[in-house]
Amino acid sequence: MISQIAGKVVAKDLDRVEVMTQGGVGYELAIPLGVYESLPKEGAAVTLHTHLVVKEDGWQLFGFSTPYERRVFQKVLAAKGVGPALAIGMLSTLTAERLVRAIRERDVPTLQSVPRVGRKKAEQLILDLADKLDELQSSGDGAGPRPEGAGAEDAVRALVSLGYTSADAERAVRQAIDGGARGVSAPELIRAALAKIGGR
């Protein structure tokens, strides 16, 4: 089982990345959009958590930024009628945390925002997974939950509108909240998150 790939980014595209390991082996990994947004520039070091899908017509390796994101992918794959391409599409349209929340809260409209997911497919996802995602809510792998609350979501949207990636925006808002900005207004939270970004 290939669980992790570490090496240098050789090439990257919206849906895939090629990583060259120190041993001289190059791996091509299919990735969701959020992983692409967080990838370093070509030639830089990267570590991705992986899941290998073996089919009769070949093997395909999928890469994720965190173990939490990989576990969500694996859970979604267990749903009826969901293959790797659709699972990656879900994680590209929604973050892993938002996808889990939509399934647990039986939020059909949010699930339908994913291409190729109609009402029937969304209801099937909920039926298969809604009661099986509880352990994913308390992941201790450093992925961290998506910042919750209207103020946090407004702050993330504001940072994205300023040109930051959704991954960087969520990380900065989460760091601001962890640093004591919990319960403040959205403008204050945005300022605190920008200070975190500026201090990196």
N, C-alpha and C. Protein backbone atom coordinates (compact mmCIF):
# COMPACT_ATOMS: atom_id res chain seq x y z
N MET A 1 0.84 -1.20 0.00
CA MET A 1 0.00 0.00 0.00
C MET A 1 0.88 1.25 0.00
N ILE A 2 0.69 2.13 -0.97
CA ILE A 2 1.42 3.39 -1.01
C ILE A 2 0.60 4.42 -0.25
N SER A 3 1.09 4.85 0.90
CA SER A 3 0.31 5.75 1.74
C SER A 3 0.80 7.19 1.69
N GLN A 4 2.02 7.41 1.18
CA GLN A 4 2.58 8.75 1.18
C GLN A 4 3.67 8.85 0.12
N ILE A 5 3.73 9.99 -0.55
CA ILE A 5 4.76 10.27 -1.54
C ILE A 5 5.45 11.57 -1.16
N ALA A 6 6.77 11.54 -1.08
CA ALA A 6 7.55 12.75 -0.78
C ALA A 6 8.60 12.93 -1.86
N GLY A 7 8.73 14.14 -2.36
CA GLY A 7 9.72 14.42 -3.40
C GLY A 7 9.59 15.84 -3.89
N LYS A 8 10.01 16.08 -5.12
CA LYS A 8 9.94 17.41 -5.72
C LYS A 8 8.86 17.45 -6.80
N VAL A 9 8.18 18.57 -6.87
CA VAL A 9 7.16 18.76 -7.90
C VAL A 9 7.86 18.92 -9.25
N VAL A 10 7.55 18.02 -10.17
CA VAL A 10 8.13 18.07 -11.51
C VAL A 10 7.21 18.83 -12.46
N ALA A 11 5.92 18.56 -12.35
CA ALA A 11 4.92 19.23 -13.19
C ALA A 11 3.59 19.17 -12.45
N LYS A 12 2.75 20.15 -12.72
CA LYS A 12 1.44 20.14 -12.07
C LYS A 12 0.40 20.75 -13.00
N ASP A 13 -0.81 20.26 -12.85
CA ASP A 13 -1.95 20.77 -13.59
C ASP A 13 -3.13 20.81 -12.63
N LEU A 14 -4.27 21.31 -13.09
CA LEU A 14 -5.41 21.47 -12.21
C LEU A 14 -5.86 20.17 -11.56
N ASP A 15 -5.68 19.06 -12.28
CA ASP A 15 -6.20 17.79 -11.77
C ASP A 15 -5.13 16.74 -11.51
N ARG A 16 -3.83 17.09 -11.67
CA ARG A 16 -2.80 16.10 -11.43
C ARG A 16 -1.46 16.76 -11.14
N VAL A 17 -0.58 15.99 -10.51
CA VAL A 17 0.76 16.48 -10.21
C VAL A 17 1.74 15.33 -10.40
N GLU A 18 2.94 15.65 -10.87
CA GLU A 18 3.99 14.64 -11.00
C GLU A 18 5.07 14.94 -9.96
N VAL A 19 5.39 13.94 -9.15
CA VAL A 19 6.36 14.10 -8.07
C VAL A 19 7.52 13.12 -8.29
N MET A 20 8.75 13.65 -8.22
CA MET A 20 9.94 12.83 -8.36
C MET A 20 10.55 12.59 -6.98
N THR A 21 10.65 11.33 -6.57
CA THR A 21 11.19 11.01 -5.25
C THR A 21 12.72 11.03 -5.28
N GLN A 22 13.32 11.02 -4.09
CA GLN A 22 14.78 11.02 -4.00
C GLN A 22 15.38 9.78 -4.65
N GLY A 23 14.61 8.69 -4.68
CA GLY A 23 15.09 7.46 -5.29
C GLY A 23 15.05 7.48 -6.81
N GLY A 24 14.57 8.58 -7.37
CA GLY A 24 14.54 8.69 -8.83
C GLY A 24 13.30 8.11 -9.47
N VAL A 25 12.26 7.83 -8.67
CA VAL A 25 11.01 7.31 -9.21
C VAL A 25 10.00 8.45 -9.29
N GLY A 26 9.41 8.63 -10.45
CA GLY A 26 8.41 9.66 -10.64
C GLY A 26 7.00 9.09 -10.53
N TYR A 27 6.14 9.78 -9.78
CA TYR A 27 4.76 9.34 -9.62
C TYR A 27 3.82 10.43 -10.14
N GLU A 28 2.81 10.01 -10.89
CA GLU A 28 1.75 10.93 -11.30
C GLU A 28 0.53 10.66 -10.43
N LEU A 29 0.03 11.71 -9.79
CA LEU A 29 -1.09 11.57 -8.88
C LEU A 29 -2.25 12.44 -9.35
N ALA A 30 -3.45 11.88 -9.33
CA ALA A 30 -4.65 12.67 -9.57
C ALA A 30 -4.98 13.40 -8.27
N ILE A 31 -5.37 14.66 -8.36
CA ILE A 31 -5.60 15.47 -7.17
C ILE A 31 -6.87 16.30 -7.31
N PRO A 32 -7.52 16.64 -6.20
CA PRO A 32 -8.62 17.60 -6.25
C PRO A 32 -8.08 19.02 -6.39
N LEU A 33 -8.94 19.94 -6.75
CA LEU A 33 -8.53 21.31 -7.02
C LEU A 33 -7.88 21.97 -5.80
N GLY A 34 -8.38 21.68 -4.61
CA GLY A 34 -7.81 22.29 -3.40
C GLY A 34 -6.36 21.92 -3.19
N VAL A 35 -5.99 20.71 -3.57
CA VAL A 35 -4.60 20.28 -3.45
C VAL A 35 -3.74 21.05 -4.45
N TYR A 36 -4.24 21.22 -5.67
CA TYR A 36 -3.50 21.99 -6.68
C TYR A 36 -3.21 23.40 -6.17
N GLU A 37 -4.22 24.02 -5.53
CA GLU A 37 -4.06 25.39 -5.03
C GLU A 37 -2.99 25.49 -3.95
N SER A 38 -2.77 24.39 -3.23
CA SER A 38 -1.81 24.44 -2.13
C SER A 38 -0.42 23.91 -2.50
N LEU A 39 -0.26 23.45 -3.75
CA LEU A 39 1.03 22.90 -4.16
C LEU A 39 2.09 24.00 -4.25
N PRO A 40 3.33 23.67 -3.88
CA PRO A 40 4.42 24.64 -4.07
C PRO A 40 4.79 24.73 -5.54
N LYS A 41 5.70 25.64 -5.87
CA LYS A 41 6.12 25.79 -7.26
C LYS A 41 6.92 24.57 -7.71
N GLU A 42 7.04 24.42 -9.01
CA GLU A 42 7.80 23.29 -9.56
C GLU A 42 9.25 23.34 -9.07
N GLY A 43 9.77 22.18 -8.71
CA GLY A 43 11.11 22.08 -8.16
C GLY A 43 11.16 22.10 -6.65
N ALA A 44 10.04 22.48 -6.02
CA ALA A 44 9.99 22.55 -4.56
C ALA A 44 9.57 21.20 -3.98
N ALA A 45 9.90 20.99 -2.71
CA ALA A 45 9.57 19.73 -2.05
C ALA A 45 8.09 19.69 -1.67
N VAL A 46 7.53 18.50 -1.72
CA VAL A 46 6.13 18.32 -1.35
C VAL A 46 5.94 16.91 -0.79
N THR A 47 4.99 16.79 0.12
CA THR A 47 4.59 15.48 0.64
C THR A 47 3.08 15.36 0.49
N LEU A 48 2.63 14.29 -0.13
CA LEU A 48 1.20 14.07 -0.33
C LEU A 48 0.79 12.73 0.26
N HIS A 49 -0.36 12.71 0.87
CA HIS A 49 -0.94 11.48 1.40
C HIS A 49 -1.73 10.84 0.25
N THR A 50 -1.57 9.55 0.07
CA THR A 50 -2.06 8.93 -1.15
C THR A 50 -3.03 7.77 -0.92
N HIS A 51 -3.79 7.51 -1.95
CA HIS A 51 -4.69 6.35 -1.97
C HIS A 51 -4.58 5.71 -3.35
N LEU A 52 -4.33 4.42 -3.39
CA LEU A 52 -4.16 3.69 -4.64
C LEU A 52 -5.45 2.95 -5.00
N VAL A 53 -5.95 3.21 -6.19
CA VAL A 53 -7.14 2.52 -6.70
C VAL A 53 -6.68 1.53 -7.78
N VAL A 54 -6.96 0.26 -7.57
CA VAL A 54 -6.56 -0.78 -8.51
C VAL A 54 -7.79 -1.27 -9.27
N LYS A 55 -7.72 -1.17 -10.60
CA LYS A 55 -8.79 -1.64 -11.46
C LYS A 55 -8.23 -2.61 -12.48
N GLU A 56 -9.11 -3.28 -13.18
CA GLU A 56 -8.68 -4.24 -14.20
C GLU A 56 -7.90 -3.55 -15.32
N ASP A 57 -8.26 -2.29 -15.61
CA ASP A 57 -7.61 -1.59 -16.72
C ASP A 57 -6.43 -0.75 -16.27
N GLY A 58 -6.02 -0.86 -15.01
CA GLY A 58 -4.84 -0.13 -14.56
C GLY A 58 -4.94 0.37 -13.13
N TRP A 59 -3.84 0.92 -12.66
CA TRP A 59 -3.78 1.48 -11.31
C TRP A 59 -3.78 2.99 -11.40
N GLN A 60 -4.38 3.64 -10.39
CA GLN A 60 -4.35 5.10 -10.36
C GLN A 60 -4.09 5.55 -8.93
N LEU A 61 -3.16 6.51 -8.80
CA LEU A 61 -2.77 7.01 -7.48
C LEU A 61 -3.37 8.40 -7.29
N PHE A 62 -3.99 8.61 -6.12
CA PHE A 62 -4.62 9.89 -5.81
C PHE A 62 -3.88 10.55 -4.65
N GLY A 63 -3.68 11.87 -4.73
CA GLY A 63 -2.91 12.57 -3.72
C GLY A 63 -3.73 13.62 -2.98
N PHE A 64 -3.45 13.76 -1.69
CA PHE A 64 -4.19 14.68 -0.83
C PHE A 64 -3.24 15.42 0.11
N SER A 65 -3.64 16.61 0.51
CA SER A 65 -2.78 17.42 1.37
C SER A 65 -2.72 16.89 2.79
N THR A 66 -3.80 16.27 3.26
CA THR A 66 -3.87 15.81 4.65
C THR A 66 -4.46 14.40 4.73
N PRO A 67 -4.16 13.67 5.81
CA PRO A 67 -4.80 12.37 6.01
C PRO A 67 -6.32 12.49 6.11
N TYR A 68 -6.78 13.61 6.69
CA TYR A 68 -8.23 13.83 6.82
C TYR A 68 -8.90 13.86 5.44
N GLU A 69 -8.32 14.61 4.51
CA GLU A 69 -8.87 14.71 3.17
C GLU A 69 -8.88 13.34 2.49
N ARG A 70 -7.82 12.56 2.71
CA ARG A 70 -7.76 11.21 2.14
C ARG A 70 -8.86 10.33 2.73
N ARG A 71 -9.09 10.43 4.03
CA ARG A 71 -10.12 9.60 4.66
C ARG A 71 -11.52 9.96 4.15
N VAL A 72 -11.76 11.23 3.91
CA VAL A 72 -13.05 11.63 3.34
C VAL A 72 -13.22 11.02 1.95
N PHE A 73 -12.17 11.07 1.14
CA PHE A 73 -12.19 10.46 -0.19
C PHE A 73 -12.52 8.97 -0.09
N GLN A 74 -11.88 8.29 0.84
CA GLN A 74 -12.10 6.86 1.01
C GLN A 74 -13.53 6.56 1.45
N LYS A 75 -14.06 7.39 2.33
CA LYS A 75 -15.44 7.20 2.79
C LYS A 75 -16.42 7.39 1.64
N VAL A 76 -16.21 8.45 0.84
CA VAL A 76 -17.12 8.74 -0.26
C VAL A 76 -17.08 7.62 -1.30
N LEU A 77 -15.89 7.04 -1.50
CA LEU A 77 -15.77 5.93 -2.45
C LEU A 77 -16.64 4.74 -2.06
N ALA A 78 -16.94 4.63 -0.77
CA ALA A 78 -17.74 3.49 -0.29
C ALA A 78 -19.22 3.66 -0.60
N ALA A 79 -19.63 4.83 -1.03
CA ALA A 79 -21.05 5.06 -1.34
C ALA A 79 -21.41 4.40 -2.66
N LYS A 80 -22.63 3.99 -2.78
CA LYS A 80 -23.10 3.32 -3.97
C LYS A 80 -23.02 4.24 -5.19
N GLY A 81 -22.41 3.73 -6.26
CA GLY A 81 -22.37 4.47 -7.52
C GLY A 81 -21.34 5.59 -7.58
N VAL A 82 -20.43 5.63 -6.60
CA VAL A 82 -19.41 6.68 -6.60
C VAL A 82 -18.05 6.07 -6.94
N GLY A 83 -17.47 6.53 -8.05
CA GLY A 83 -16.13 6.09 -8.43
C GLY A 83 -15.11 7.15 -8.09
N PRO A 84 -13.84 6.88 -8.34
CA PRO A 84 -12.78 7.83 -8.00
C PRO A 84 -12.94 9.20 -8.67
N ALA A 85 -13.35 9.24 -9.94
CA ALA A 85 -13.48 10.51 -10.65
C ALA A 85 -14.55 11.39 -10.00
N LEU A 86 -15.68 10.80 -9.63
CA LEU A 86 -16.74 11.57 -9.00
C LEU A 86 -16.32 12.01 -7.59
N ALA A 87 -15.64 11.12 -6.86
CA ALA A 87 -15.18 11.47 -5.52
C ALA A 87 -14.22 12.65 -5.56
N ILE A 88 -13.29 12.64 -6.53
CA ILE A 88 -12.37 13.76 -6.69
C ILE A 88 -13.13 15.02 -7.08
N GLY A 89 -14.15 14.87 -7.92
CA GLY A 89 -14.97 16.02 -8.31
C GLY A 89 -15.66 16.65 -7.13
N MET A 90 -16.12 15.83 -6.19
CA MET A 90 -16.76 16.36 -4.98
C MET A 90 -15.78 17.17 -4.15
N LEU A 91 -14.55 16.63 -4.01
CA LEU A 91 -13.54 17.32 -3.21
C LEU A 91 -12.99 18.55 -3.94
N SER A 92 -13.16 18.61 -5.25
CA SER A 92 -12.74 19.79 -6.00
C SER A 92 -13.76 20.91 -5.90
N THR A 93 -15.04 20.54 -5.81
CA THR A 93 -16.11 21.53 -5.73
C THR A 93 -16.29 22.02 -4.30
N LEU A 94 -16.22 21.09 -3.35
CA LEU A 94 -16.39 21.40 -1.93
C LEU A 94 -15.11 21.01 -1.19
N THR A 95 -14.78 21.69 -0.11
CA THR A 95 -13.67 21.21 0.71
C THR A 95 -14.09 19.92 1.39
N ALA A 96 -13.15 19.16 1.89
CA ALA A 96 -13.47 17.92 2.58
C ALA A 96 -14.40 18.18 3.75
N GLU A 97 -14.13 19.24 4.51
CA GLU A 97 -14.95 19.56 5.68
C GLU A 97 -16.37 19.93 5.27
N ARG A 98 -16.48 20.73 4.20
CA ARG A 98 -17.81 21.14 3.76
C ARG A 98 -18.60 19.96 3.20
N LEU A 99 -17.92 19.05 2.51
CA LEU A 99 -18.57 17.86 1.98
C LEU A 99 -19.11 17.00 3.10
N VAL A 100 -18.29 16.77 4.13
CA VAL A 100 -18.74 15.99 5.29
C VAL A 100 -19.94 16.65 5.95
N ARG A 101 -19.86 17.97 6.11
CA ARG A 101 -20.96 18.68 6.76
C ARG A 101 -22.25 18.59 5.94
N ALA A 102 -22.12 18.70 4.62
CA ALA A 102 -23.30 18.64 3.76
C ALA A 102 -23.97 17.27 3.84
N ILE A 103 -23.16 16.21 3.89
CA ILE A 103 -23.73 14.86 3.98
C ILE A 103 -24.38 14.64 5.35
N ARG A 104 -23.67 15.03 6.40
CA ARG A 104 -24.21 14.81 7.76
C ARG A 104 -25.47 15.63 8.00
N GLU A 105 -25.54 16.83 7.43
CA GLU A 105 -26.70 17.70 7.63
C GLU A 105 -27.77 17.47 6.57
N ARG A 106 -27.54 16.47 5.71
CA ARG A 106 -28.50 16.12 4.66
C ARG A 106 -28.84 17.32 3.78
N ASP A 107 -27.79 18.04 3.40
CA ASP A 107 -27.92 19.27 2.61
C ASP A 107 -27.87 18.93 1.12
N VAL A 108 -29.01 18.55 0.58
CA VAL A 108 -29.09 18.12 -0.82
C VAL A 108 -28.67 19.22 -1.80
N PRO A 109 -29.13 20.48 -1.64
CA PRO A 109 -28.72 21.52 -2.60
C PRO A 109 -27.21 21.71 -2.69
N THR A 110 -26.51 21.66 -1.55
CA THR A 110 -25.04 21.80 -1.59
C THR A 110 -24.40 20.64 -2.34
N LEU A 111 -24.88 19.43 -2.08
CA LEU A 111 -24.34 18.27 -2.78
C LEU A 111 -24.63 18.34 -4.28
N GLN A 112 -25.77 18.91 -4.64
CA GLN A 112 -26.12 19.04 -6.06
C GLN A 112 -25.28 20.09 -6.78
N SER A 113 -24.55 20.90 -6.03
CA SER A 113 -23.67 21.87 -6.67
C SER A 113 -22.47 21.20 -7.31
N VAL A 114 -22.24 19.92 -6.98
CA VAL A 114 -21.15 19.15 -7.58
C VAL A 114 -21.58 18.65 -8.95
N PRO A 115 -20.78 18.89 -10.00
CA PRO A 115 -21.12 18.37 -11.32
C PRO A 115 -21.36 16.85 -11.29
N ARG A 116 -22.40 16.41 -12.00
CA ARG A 116 -22.77 14.99 -12.11
C ARG A 116 -23.44 14.45 -10.85
N VAL A 117 -23.78 15.33 -9.92
CA VAL A 117 -24.53 14.88 -8.74
C VAL A 117 -25.91 15.52 -8.79
N GLY A 118 -26.90 14.70 -9.14
CA GLY A 118 -28.28 15.17 -9.13
C GLY A 118 -28.94 14.85 -7.79
N ARG A 119 -30.23 15.12 -7.70
CA ARG A 119 -30.93 14.88 -6.45
C ARG A 119 -30.85 13.42 -6.02
N LYS A 120 -31.03 12.52 -6.97
CA LYS A 120 -31.03 11.09 -6.63
C LYS A 120 -29.67 10.66 -6.07
N LYS A 121 -28.59 11.12 -6.73
CA LYS A 121 -27.24 10.77 -6.28
C LYS A 121 -26.96 11.39 -4.91
N ALA A 122 -27.40 12.64 -4.71
CA ALA A 122 -27.19 13.31 -3.43
C ALA A 122 -27.91 12.56 -2.31
N GLU A 123 -29.13 12.14 -2.58
CA GLU A 123 -29.90 11.40 -1.57
C GLU A 123 -29.27 10.05 -1.28
N GLN A 124 -28.68 9.42 -2.31
CA GLN A 124 -28.00 8.14 -2.10
C GLN A 124 -26.76 8.33 -1.23
N LEU A 125 -26.01 9.40 -1.46
CA LEU A 125 -24.84 9.71 -0.64
C LEU A 125 -25.24 9.87 0.82
N ILE A 126 -26.30 10.60 1.04
CA ILE A 126 -26.78 10.83 2.41
C ILE A 126 -27.21 9.52 3.04
N LEU A 127 -27.94 8.71 2.29
CA LEU A 127 -28.42 7.43 2.80
C LEU A 127 -27.26 6.53 3.19
N ASP A 128 -26.23 6.50 2.35
CA ASP A 128 -25.09 5.60 2.58
C ASP A 128 -24.12 6.09 3.64
N LEU A 129 -23.99 7.42 3.78
CA LEU A 129 -22.88 7.95 4.58
C LEU A 129 -23.24 8.83 5.76
N ALA A 130 -24.45 9.35 5.82
CA ALA A 130 -24.77 10.36 6.84
C ALA A 130 -24.46 9.90 8.26
N ASP A 131 -24.66 8.61 8.55
CA ASP A 131 -24.44 8.12 9.91
C ASP A 131 -23.07 7.46 10.08
N LYS A 132 -22.22 7.59 9.07
CA LYS A 132 -20.91 6.92 9.13
C LYS A 132 -19.73 7.89 9.14
N LEU A 133 -20.01 9.17 9.34
CA LEU A 133 -18.95 10.17 9.24
C LEU A 133 -18.60 10.81 10.58
N ASP A 134 -19.20 10.32 11.67
CA ASP A 134 -18.98 10.95 12.96
C ASP A 134 -17.51 10.97 13.35
N GLU A 135 -16.78 9.89 13.08
CA GLU A 135 -15.38 9.83 13.50
C GLU A 135 -14.51 10.82 12.73
N LEU A 136 -15.00 11.29 11.58
CA LEU A 136 -14.23 12.26 10.80
C LEU A 136 -14.32 13.66 11.37
N GLN A 137 -15.28 13.89 12.24
CA GLN A 137 -15.45 15.22 12.81
C GLN A 137 -14.36 15.59 13.78
N SER A 138 -13.71 14.61 14.36
CA SER A 138 -12.71 14.90 15.38
C SER A 138 -11.34 14.40 14.94
N SER A 139 -10.99 14.70 13.70
CA SER A 139 -9.71 14.22 13.20
C SER A 139 -8.59 14.89 13.96
N GLY A 140 -7.59 14.11 14.35
CA GLY A 140 -6.48 14.65 15.09
C GLY A 140 -5.20 14.65 14.29
N ASP A 141 -5.33 14.80 12.97
CA ASP A 141 -4.14 14.66 12.13
C ASP A 141 -3.57 16.00 11.68
N GLY A 142 -4.09 17.09 12.26
CA GLY A 142 -3.56 18.39 11.89
C GLY A 142 -4.28 19.03 10.73
N ALA A 143 -5.28 18.31 10.17
CA ALA A 143 -6.01 18.92 9.07
C ALA A 143 -6.79 20.11 9.57
N GLY A 144 -7.35 19.95 10.77
CA GLY A 144 -8.13 21.03 11.36
C GLY A 144 -9.45 21.16 10.67
N PRO A 145 -10.51 21.52 11.40
CA PRO A 145 -11.79 21.71 10.78
C PRO A 145 -11.84 23.01 9.99
N ARG A 146 -12.71 23.09 9.07
CA ARG A 146 -12.92 24.35 8.38
C ARG A 146 -13.45 25.34 9.41
N PRO A 147 -13.00 26.61 9.39
CA PRO A 147 -13.50 27.57 10.36
C PRO A 147 -15.01 27.65 10.30
N GLU A 148 -15.66 27.53 11.43
CA GLU A 148 -17.11 27.48 11.48
C GLU A 148 -17.69 28.84 11.85
N GLY A 149 -18.99 29.02 11.58
CA GLY A 149 -19.70 30.23 11.95
C GLY A 149 -19.77 31.21 10.79
N ALA A 150 -20.80 32.07 10.81
CA ALA A 150 -21.00 33.01 9.73
C ALA A 150 -19.83 33.97 9.59
N GLY A 151 -19.31 34.46 10.73
CA GLY A 151 -18.18 35.39 10.68
C GLY A 151 -16.97 34.77 10.04
N ALA A 152 -16.68 33.51 10.40
CA ALA A 152 -15.52 32.82 9.84
C ALA A 152 -15.69 32.60 8.35
N GLU A 153 -16.88 32.20 7.93
CA GLU A 153 -17.12 31.96 6.51
C GLU A 153 -17.04 33.26 5.72
N ASP A 154 -17.55 34.35 6.31
CA ASP A 154 -17.45 35.65 5.65
C ASP A 154 -15.99 36.06 5.50
N ALA A 155 -15.20 35.80 6.54
CA ALA A 155 -13.78 36.15 6.50
C ALA A 155 -13.05 35.35 5.42
N VAL A 156 -13.36 34.07 5.32
CA VAL A 156 -12.73 33.23 4.29
C VAL A 156 -13.09 33.75 2.90
N ARG A 157 -14.37 34.06 2.68
CA ARG A 157 -14.80 34.58 1.37
C ARG A 157 -14.10 35.90 1.04
N ALA A 158 -13.95 36.75 2.06
CA ALA A 158 -13.30 38.04 1.84
C ALA A 158 -11.84 37.86 1.43
N LEU A 159 -11.14 36.95 2.10
CA LEU A 159 -9.74 36.70 1.77
C LEU A 159 -9.60 36.12 0.37
N VAL A 160 -10.52 35.21 0.00
CA VAL A 160 -10.49 34.64 -1.35
C VAL A 160 -10.71 35.74 -2.39
N SER A 161 -11.62 36.69 -2.08
CA SER A 161 -11.88 37.79 -3.01
C SER A 161 -10.66 38.70 -3.15
N LEU A 162 -9.79 38.68 -2.14
CA LEU A 162 -8.56 39.48 -2.19
C LEU A 162 -7.45 38.78 -2.98
N GLY A 163 -7.72 37.54 -3.40
CA GLY A 163 -6.74 36.84 -4.23
C GLY A 163 -6.05 35.67 -3.57
N TYR A 164 -6.36 35.41 -2.29
CA TYR A 164 -5.75 34.26 -1.62
C TYR A 164 -6.51 33.00 -2.01
N THR A 165 -5.82 31.85 -2.01
CA THR A 165 -6.50 30.59 -2.30
C THR A 165 -7.41 30.24 -1.14
N SER A 166 -8.41 29.41 -1.41
CA SER A 166 -9.34 29.02 -0.34
C SER A 166 -8.60 28.29 0.77
N ALA A 167 -7.59 27.47 0.40
CA ALA A 167 -6.83 26.74 1.41
C ALA A 167 -6.07 27.70 2.32
N ASP A 168 -5.40 28.72 1.72
CA ASP A 168 -4.65 29.69 2.52
C ASP A 168 -5.60 30.54 3.37
N ALA A 169 -6.75 30.90 2.80
CA ALA A 169 -7.71 31.71 3.52
C ALA A 169 -8.25 30.97 4.74
N GLU A 170 -8.63 29.70 4.54
CA GLU A 170 -9.15 28.92 5.66
C GLU A 170 -8.08 28.71 6.73
N ARG A 171 -6.85 28.48 6.30
CA ARG A 171 -5.76 28.27 7.26
C ARG A 171 -5.52 29.53 8.09
N ALA A 172 -5.52 30.69 7.44
CA ALA A 172 -5.27 31.95 8.14
C ALA A 172 -6.40 32.27 9.12
N VAL A 173 -7.63 32.03 8.71
CA VAL A 173 -8.77 32.29 9.59
C VAL A 173 -8.73 31.34 10.79
N ARG A 174 -8.40 30.07 10.53
CA ARG A 174 -8.31 29.10 11.62
C ARG A 174 -7.21 29.50 12.61
N GLN A 175 -6.07 29.96 12.09
CA GLN A 175 -4.97 30.39 12.96
C GLN A 175 -5.36 31.62 13.77
N ALA A 176 -6.11 32.53 13.14
CA ALA A 176 -6.57 33.72 13.85
C ALA A 176 -7.52 33.35 14.98
N ILE A 177 -8.42 32.42 14.71
CA ILE A 177 -9.36 31.98 15.75
C ILE A 177 -8.61 31.28 16.87
N ASP A 178 -7.68 30.40 16.50
CA ASP A 178 -6.89 29.70 17.51
C ASP A 178 -6.03 30.67 18.32
N GLY A 179 -5.68 31.80 17.70
CA GLY A 179 -4.83 32.78 18.36
C GLY A 179 -5.58 33.77 19.24
N GLY A 180 -6.90 33.56 19.37
CA GLY A 180 -7.66 34.41 20.29
C GLY A 180 -8.73 35.25 19.65
N ALA A 181 -8.92 35.12 18.31
CA ALA A 181 -9.91 35.95 17.63
C ALA A 181 -11.28 35.27 17.54
N ARG A 182 -11.53 34.34 18.44
CA ARG A 182 -12.81 33.62 18.43
C ARG A 182 -13.95 34.55 18.89
N GLY A 183 -15.06 34.55 18.16
CA GLY A 183 -16.23 35.31 18.57
C GLY A 183 -16.20 36.78 18.19
N VAL A 184 -15.17 37.23 17.47
CA VAL A 184 -15.10 38.63 17.07
C VAL A 184 -15.87 38.83 15.78
N SER A 185 -16.04 40.08 15.38
CA SER A 185 -16.77 40.37 14.14
C SER A 185 -15.95 39.94 12.93
N ALA A 186 -16.64 39.81 11.80
CA ALA A 186 -15.94 39.39 10.58
C ALA A 186 -14.81 40.35 10.20
N PRO A 187 -15.02 41.68 10.22
CA PRO A 187 -13.91 42.58 9.88
C PRO A 187 -12.69 42.40 10.79
N GLU A 188 -12.94 42.22 12.09
CA GLU A 188 -11.82 42.01 13.02
C GLU A 188 -11.12 40.68 12.72
N LEU A 189 -11.91 39.69 12.39
CA LEU A 189 -11.34 38.38 12.08
C LEU A 189 -10.51 38.45 10.80
N ILE A 190 -10.98 39.22 9.82
CA ILE A 190 -10.24 39.39 8.57
C ILE A 190 -8.90 40.06 8.85
N ARG A 191 -8.91 41.10 9.68
CA ARG A 191 -7.66 41.79 10.02
C ARG A 191 -6.69 40.84 10.73
N ALA A 192 -7.23 40.03 11.66
CA ALA A 192 -6.38 39.10 12.39
C ALA A 192 -5.81 38.04 11.45
N ALA A 193 -6.62 37.57 10.49
CA ALA A 193 -6.15 36.57 9.54
C ALA A 193 -5.08 37.16 8.62
N LEU A 194 -5.28 38.41 8.18
CA LEU A 194 -4.27 39.06 7.33
C LEU A 194 -2.96 39.23 8.08
N ALA A 195 -3.06 39.50 9.40
CA ALA A 195 -1.84 39.61 10.20
C ALA A 195 -1.11 38.29 10.27
N LYS A 196 -1.88 37.19 10.33
CA LYS A 196 -1.26 35.86 10.34
C LYS A 196 -0.55 35.57 9.03
N ILE A 197 -1.20 35.96 7.92
CA ILE A 197 -0.59 35.75 6.61
C ILE A 197 0.68 36.59 6.48
N GLY A 198 0.60 37.84 6.94
CA GLY A 198 1.74 38.73 6.84
C GLY A 198 2.90 38.33 7.72
N GLY A 199 2.59 37.55 8.78
CA GLY A 199 3.63 37.16 9.71
C GLY A 199 4.34 35.88 9.35
N ARG A 200 3.91 35.24 8.24
CA ARG A 200 4.53 33.96 7.86
C ARG A 200 5.91 34.17 7.28
